[in-house]
């Protein structure tokens, strides 16, 4: 009982008495060296770990990483008779077309066995190994500068051989795309050589892909290509003169802007006049526009320019356009 009373009294006294004002400061000063030693040791370990990660190391091994990822996709999809992630979203699977041709007509077009073991292995060799070897060969030839070697050297011949093989492959791929658009079979050369055709996996399964984003992307691509095609064909000066009557800003025709060149909007260092309207231009601006467009019109009044005259020179010394 006495012991419990003493404990209760000590606890009550300790709970009732607040700590000293500098108790937290003293505790911080005591723990600060330990914390600094821990952080410094952790920082040194992190520096030692990342000292092995040199800049450009991942770029150096990019073909190996791509080949490894392609191998993982092949191993867990095609090798086990499952579609790739993209084909799975579109409800597609690979079918051995040789077995279908030997069997004859099919009822729905979806029957048929999957790829054989040899087709799967050759698919892996072509997609994973072939792409890896080609990427490594191209990087090695570019690093060794085979294209800059002598004309009769072996490296130069190897460079020309690589270029011809690449050109033939691209031409064959283009022809295969045209045949695919016509017949709907074998979207790549590898699939055509292996006779591996993509067919629907299930006839009653809806596609889980929304084509909204794809439609927007296609519309934007077509619109940007149309603009890139039409913009070089448009004459900026004629468009400005055509839209000037509809513009609300009339400051370009004010008296203050009459002394500026209407093309470069600067004070002409060598002022020339466009005839017959006699508006001031820079010599180089007016000369280049008249040389580029024989039917050039004045940017201010849309009057055809038939000649050019130096400012302050009599009319007899006209410089006719060539």
Protein backbone atom coordinates (compact mmCIF):
# COMPACT_ATOMS: atom_id res chain seq x y z
CA UNK A 1 0.00 0.00 0.00
CA UNK A 2 2.77 2.37 0.89
CA UNK A 3 4.49 1.56 -2.41
CA UNK A 4 1.29 2.25 -4.39
CA UNK A 5 0.82 5.53 -2.54
CA UNK A 6 4.36 6.62 -3.29
CA UNK A 7 3.95 5.73 -6.99
CA UNK A 8 0.67 7.61 -7.17
CA UNK A 9 2.13 10.62 -5.46
CA UNK A 10 5.18 10.61 -7.73
CA UNK A 11 3.03 10.27 -10.87
CA UNK A 12 0.71 13.03 -9.74
CA UNK A 13 3.63 15.28 -8.94
CA UNK A 14 5.31 14.54 -12.29
CA UNK A 15 2.10 15.10 -14.23
CA UNK A 16 1.33 18.29 -12.43
CA UNK A 17 4.78 19.84 -12.80
CA UNK A 18 5.51 21.10 -16.37
CA UNK A 19 8.92 20.47 -17.99
CA UNK A 20 11.53 23.14 -18.08
CA UNK A 21 11.44 25.72 -20.85
CA UNK A 22 14.76 24.65 -22.34
CA UNK A 23 14.04 20.89 -22.03
CA UNK A 24 13.14 20.57 -25.73
CA UNK A 25 16.20 22.55 -26.73
CA UNK A 26 18.44 20.32 -24.65
CA UNK A 27 16.87 17.18 -26.12
CA UNK A 28 17.29 18.58 -29.66
CA UNK A 29 20.95 19.40 -29.05
CA UNK A 30 21.55 15.90 -27.68
CA UNK A 31 19.86 14.13 -30.62
CA UNK A 32 21.21 16.42 -33.37
CA UNK A 33 24.65 14.75 -33.71
CA UNK A 34 23.06 11.29 -33.99
CA UNK A 35 20.63 12.52 -36.64
CA UNK A 36 23.40 14.18 -38.64
CA UNK A 37 25.49 11.00 -38.53
CA UNK A 38 22.53 8.95 -39.78
CA UNK A 39 21.69 11.34 -42.59
CA UNK A 40 25.31 11.68 -43.69
CA UNK A 41 25.75 7.91 -43.78
CA UNK A 42 22.53 7.50 -45.78
CA UNK A 43 23.59 10.22 -48.21
CA UNK A 44 26.96 8.57 -48.72
CA UNK A 45 25.28 5.24 -49.40
CA UNK A 46 22.90 6.83 -51.92
CA UNK A 47 25.80 8.58 -53.65
CA UNK A 48 27.70 5.31 -53.86
CA UNK A 49 24.68 3.52 -55.29
CA UNK A 50 23.93 6.13 -57.96
CA UNK A 51 27.60 6.61 -58.82
CA UNK A 52 27.25 3.44 -60.90
CA UNK A 53 24.38 5.00 -62.90
CA UNK A 54 26.29 7.03 -65.44
CA UNK A 55 24.47 9.46 -67.75
CA UNK A 56 23.32 7.77 -70.95
CA UNK A 57 23.62 4.25 -69.58
CA UNK A 58 19.96 3.45 -70.24
CA UNK A 59 20.24 4.89 -73.75
CA UNK A 60 23.26 2.69 -74.33
CA UNK A 61 21.26 -0.43 -73.47
CA UNK A 62 17.98 0.69 -75.03
CA UNK A 63 17.91 -2.13 -77.67
CA UNK A 64 18.38 -4.73 -74.94
CA UNK A 65 15.58 -3.23 -72.85
CA UNK A 66 13.22 -3.10 -75.85
CA UNK A 67 14.06 -6.70 -76.74
CA UNK A 68 13.45 -7.81 -73.15
CA UNK A 69 10.05 -6.09 -73.03
CA UNK A 70 9.09 -7.58 -76.40
CA UNK A 71 10.14 -11.00 -75.17
CA UNK A 72 7.99 -10.65 -72.03
CA UNK A 73 4.98 -9.67 -74.14
CA UNK A 74 5.57 -12.66 -76.45
CA UNK A 75 6.15 -15.07 -73.55
CA UNK A 76 2.96 -14.24 -71.67
CA UNK A 77 0.69 -13.75 -74.70
CA UNK A 78 1.51 -15.55 -77.93
CA UNK A 79 3.47 -18.42 -76.40
CA UNK A 80 0.55 -19.37 -74.13
CA UNK A 81 -2.08 -18.90 -76.88
CA UNK A 82 -3.31 -15.59 -75.54
CA UNK A 83 -3.66 -12.31 -77.45
CA UNK A 84 -1.37 -9.39 -76.89
CA UNK A 85 -2.81 -6.52 -74.81
CA UNK A 86 -3.70 -4.52 -77.93
CA UNK A 87 -5.23 -7.49 -79.72
CA UNK A 88 -7.12 -8.44 -76.60
CA UNK A 89 -8.78 -5.01 -76.48
CA UNK A 90 -9.87 -5.42 -80.09
CA UNK A 91 -11.06 -9.02 -79.59
CA UNK A 92 -8.43 -10.48 -81.95
CA UNK A 93 -6.31 -13.60 -81.86
CA UNK A 94 -3.80 -15.34 -84.11
CA UNK A 95 -4.88 -18.29 -86.24
CA UNK A 96 -2.85 -20.76 -88.27
CA UNK A 97 -4.05 -20.07 -91.79
CA UNK A 98 -2.36 -23.18 -93.19
CA UNK A 99 -4.74 -25.44 -91.28
CA UNK A 100 -7.74 -23.49 -92.57
CA UNK A 101 -6.59 -23.72 -96.17
CA UNK A 102 -6.08 -27.48 -95.82
CA UNK A 103 -9.51 -27.89 -94.21
CA UNK A 104 -11.38 -25.93 -96.85
CA UNK A 105 -14.44 -23.83 -96.17
CA UNK A 106 -15.31 -22.75 -92.65
CA UNK A 107 -18.68 -21.89 -91.24
CA UNK A 108 -18.16 -18.49 -89.60
CA UNK A 109 -14.55 -17.59 -90.37
CA UNK A 110 -13.60 -17.70 -86.68
CA UNK A 111 -12.77 -21.39 -86.43
CA UNK A 112 -9.29 -22.74 -86.62
CA UNK A 113 -6.43 -23.63 -84.32
CA UNK A 114 -3.92 -21.20 -82.94
CA UNK A 115 -0.31 -20.94 -83.93
CA UNK A 116 1.92 -23.99 -83.81
CA UNK A 117 5.07 -24.15 -81.70
CA UNK A 118 7.30 -23.55 -84.71
CA UNK A 119 5.26 -20.50 -85.73
CA UNK A 120 5.51 -19.08 -82.22
CA UNK A 121 9.27 -19.60 -82.09
CA UNK A 122 9.81 -18.07 -85.52
CA UNK A 123 7.59 -15.15 -84.53
CA UNK A 124 9.80 -14.55 -81.49
CA UNK A 125 12.98 -14.83 -83.57
CA UNK A 126 11.67 -12.36 -86.17
CA UNK A 127 10.09 -9.77 -83.87
CA UNK A 128 12.41 -9.90 -80.87
CA UNK A 129 15.73 -11.18 -82.21
CA UNK A 130 15.49 -9.64 -85.67
CA UNK A 131 14.63 -6.16 -84.45
CA UNK A 132 17.33 -6.32 -81.79
CA UNK A 133 20.04 -7.42 -84.23
CA UNK A 134 19.02 -4.81 -86.78
CA UNK A 135 19.03 -2.00 -84.18
CA UNK A 136 22.45 -3.08 -82.89
CA UNK A 137 23.86 -3.34 -86.40
CA UNK A 138 22.64 0.12 -87.31
CA UNK A 139 24.05 1.70 -84.14
CA UNK A 140 27.37 -0.11 -84.60
CA UNK A 141 27.68 1.01 -88.24
CA UNK A 142 26.80 4.60 -87.33
CA UNK A 143 29.29 4.61 -84.43
CA UNK A 144 32.05 3.18 -86.64
CA UNK A 145 31.12 5.59 -89.46
CA UNK A 146 30.90 3.00 -92.16
CA UNK A 147 29.26 5.53 -94.48
CA UNK A 148 32.27 7.89 -94.25
CA UNK A 149 34.83 5.22 -95.16
CA UNK A 150 36.63 4.88 -98.50
CA UNK A 151 34.64 3.84 -101.52
CA UNK A 152 36.40 0.48 -101.91
CA UNK A 153 36.58 -0.49 -98.25
CA UNK A 154 34.62 -3.37 -96.77
CA UNK A 155 32.86 -1.08 -94.29
CA UNK A 156 31.59 1.12 -97.13
CA UNK A 157 30.23 -1.91 -98.96
CA UNK A 158 28.56 -3.11 -95.78
CA UNK A 159 26.97 0.32 -95.35
CA UNK A 160 25.55 0.26 -98.89
CA UNK A 161 24.30 -3.27 -98.28
CA UNK A 162 22.49 -2.17 -95.12
CA UNK A 163 20.90 0.74 -96.95
CA UNK A 164 19.70 -1.49 -99.79
CA UNK A 165 18.30 -4.11 -97.41
CA UNK A 166 16.45 -1.41 -95.48
CA UNK A 167 15.08 0.06 -98.71
CA UNK A 168 13.90 -3.32 -99.95
CA UNK A 169 12.26 -4.09 -96.61
CA UNK A 170 10.41 -0.77 -96.61
CA UNK A 171 9.27 -1.28 -100.20
CA UNK A 172 8.05 -4.79 -99.39
CA UNK A 173 6.25 -3.48 -96.29
CA UNK A 174 4.54 -0.80 -98.38
CA UNK A 175 3.39 -3.38 -100.93
CA UNK A 176 2.17 -5.60 -98.10
CA UNK A 177 0.14 -2.69 -96.66
CA UNK A 178 -1.53 -2.16 -100.03
CA UNK A 179 -2.35 -5.86 -100.30
CA UNK A 180 -3.64 -5.82 -96.71
CA UNK A 181 -5.94 -2.89 -97.47
CA UNK A 182 -7.32 -4.80 -100.45
CA UNK A 183 -7.69 -8.28 -98.94
CA UNK A 184 -7.71 -7.67 -95.16
CA UNK A 185 -5.13 -10.39 -94.43
CA UNK A 186 -1.62 -10.28 -92.94
CA UNK A 187 -0.96 -6.77 -91.74
CA UNK A 188 2.85 -7.30 -91.63
CA UNK A 189 5.46 -9.23 -93.59
CA UNK A 190 6.20 -11.49 -90.62
CA UNK A 191 2.55 -12.53 -90.37
CA UNK A 192 2.43 -13.15 -94.13
CA UNK A 193 5.56 -15.32 -94.08
CA UNK A 194 4.35 -17.31 -91.06
CA UNK A 195 0.75 -17.47 -92.36
CA UNK A 196 -0.47 -16.16 -89.01
CA UNK A 197 -3.75 -14.31 -89.47
CA UNK A 198 -5.64 -12.16 -86.98
CA UNK A 199 -9.29 -13.16 -86.57
CA UNK A 200 -11.98 -12.38 -84.03
CA UNK A 201 -11.66 -14.33 -80.81
CA UNK A 202 -15.34 -14.28 -79.92
CA UNK A 203 -18.19 -13.45 -82.34
CA UNK A 204 -20.47 -11.98 -79.66
CA UNK A 205 -17.95 -9.87 -77.78
CA UNK A 206 -18.07 -6.10 -78.19
CA UNK A 207 -14.87 -4.16 -78.52
CA UNK A 208 -13.83 -2.41 -75.34
CA UNK A 209 -12.11 0.43 -77.20
CA UNK A 210 -13.57 3.90 -77.53
CA UNK A 211 -12.71 5.44 -80.88
CA UNK A 212 -13.52 8.96 -79.72
CA UNK A 213 -9.89 9.90 -79.10
CA UNK A 214 -8.80 8.23 -82.33
CA UNK A 215 -11.38 10.17 -84.34
CA UNK A 216 -10.24 13.46 -82.83
CA UNK A 217 -6.62 12.59 -83.55
CA UNK A 218 -7.39 11.70 -87.16
CA UNK A 219 -9.38 14.90 -87.69
CA UNK A 220 -6.60 17.02 -86.21
CA UNK A 221 -3.94 15.27 -88.31
CA UNK A 222 -5.91 15.78 -91.51
CA UNK A 223 -6.60 19.42 -90.64
CA UNK A 224 -2.93 20.14 -89.88
CA UNK A 225 -1.80 18.43 -93.08
CA UNK A 226 -4.32 20.49 -95.07
CA UNK A 227 -3.01 23.70 -93.50
CA UNK A 228 0.59 22.75 -94.23
CA UNK A 229 -0.41 22.15 -97.84
CA UNK A 230 -2.42 25.36 -98.33
CA UNK A 231 -0.37 27.93 -96.39
CA UNK A 232 2.60 28.02 -98.84
CA UNK A 233 0.13 28.54 -101.70
CA UNK A 234 -1.44 31.64 -100.13
CA UNK A 235 -0.05 35.10 -100.86
CA UNK A 236 0.11 37.01 -97.59
CA UNK A 237 0.02 40.45 -99.21
CA UNK A 238 -3.02 39.66 -101.31
CA UNK A 239 -4.80 38.18 -98.30
CA UNK A 240 -4.03 41.31 -96.26
CA UNK A 241 -5.28 43.58 -99.01
CA UNK A 242 -8.41 41.46 -99.39
CA UNK A 243 -9.19 41.54 -95.65
CA UNK A 244 -8.25 45.21 -95.12
CA UNK A 245 -11.73 46.60 -95.98
CA UNK A 246 -13.27 44.31 -93.35
CA UNK A 247 -10.77 45.27 -90.66
CA UNK A 248 -11.74 47.72 -87.95
CA UNK A 249 -8.17 48.92 -87.45
CA UNK A 250 -7.52 51.79 -89.85
CA UNK A 251 -4.22 52.85 -88.32
CA UNK A 252 -2.23 51.44 -91.25
CA UNK A 253 -3.64 54.11 -93.56
CA UNK A 254 -2.97 57.00 -91.19
CA UNK A 255 -0.56 59.76 -91.99
CA UNK A 256 1.92 58.55 -89.39
CA UNK A 257 2.33 55.15 -91.07
CA UNK A 258 2.75 56.52 -94.58
CA UNK A 259 6.49 56.91 -94.01
CA UNK A 260 6.94 53.25 -92.97
CA UNK A 261 7.44 50.37 -95.34
CA UNK A 262 4.16 48.41 -95.43
CA UNK A 263 6.06 45.12 -95.77
CA UNK A 264 8.63 45.26 -92.94
CA UNK A 265 6.94 48.10 -90.97
CA UNK A 266 10.26 49.94 -90.60
CA UNK A 267 11.58 53.28 -91.73
CA UNK A 268 13.08 52.67 -95.20
CA UNK A 269 16.84 53.12 -95.29
CA UNK A 270 16.76 53.27 -99.12
CA UNK A 271 13.25 54.59 -99.87
CA UNK A 272 11.66 53.71 -103.20
CA UNK A 273 8.25 54.56 -104.55
CA UNK A 274 5.84 52.08 -106.11
CA UNK A 275 4.38 53.44 -109.31
CA UNK A 276 1.81 54.61 -110.13
CA UNK A 277 0.46 54.83 -106.54
CA UNK A 278 3.76 56.35 -105.18
CA UNK A 279 3.69 54.63 -101.79
CA UNK A 280 7.02 54.35 -100.00
CA UNK A 281 8.82 50.99 -99.63
CA UNK A 282 12.23 49.70 -98.75
CA UNK A 283 14.18 48.99 -101.90
CA UNK A 284 14.89 45.38 -101.00
CA UNK A 285 11.31 44.68 -99.86
CA UNK A 286 9.80 46.12 -103.02
CA UNK A 287 12.39 44.57 -105.33
CA UNK A 288 12.02 41.08 -103.90
CA UNK A 289 8.22 41.22 -104.03
CA UNK A 290 8.24 42.47 -107.63
CA UNK A 291 10.73 39.80 -108.64
CA UNK A 292 8.78 37.03 -106.91
CA UNK A 293 5.34 38.07 -108.20
CA UNK A 294 5.16 39.87 -111.59
CA UNK A 295 1.57 40.88 -110.77
CA UNK A 296 2.48 42.34 -107.38
CA UNK A 297 -0.05 44.81 -105.97
CA UNK A 298 0.61 47.59 -103.52
CA UNK A 299 0.06 46.50 -99.93
CA UNK A 300 -1.62 49.79 -99.07
CA UNK A 301 -3.98 50.48 -101.95
CA UNK A 302 -4.01 47.15 -103.84
CA UNK A 303 -2.96 48.95 -107.01
CA UNK A 304 -0.83 46.96 -109.53
CA UNK A 305 2.82 48.03 -109.33
CA UNK A 306 4.19 48.61 -112.83
CA UNK A 307 7.47 50.33 -111.90
CA UNK A 308 9.58 51.54 -109.00
CA UNK A 309 11.31 54.89 -108.50
CA UNK A 310 13.85 56.12 -105.98
CA UNK A 311 12.40 58.63 -103.59
CA UNK A 312 13.38 62.17 -104.59
CA UNK A 313 14.45 61.22 -108.16
CA UNK A 314 12.60 62.69 -111.18
CA UNK A 315 10.11 60.54 -113.02
CA UNK A 316 12.39 60.19 -116.04
CA UNK A 317 14.74 57.90 -114.07
CA UNK A 318 12.23 55.11 -113.53
CA UNK A 319 13.47 51.60 -112.90
CA UNK A 320 11.10 49.34 -114.77
CA UNK A 321 10.33 45.94 -113.31
CA UNK A 322 12.06 42.96 -114.88
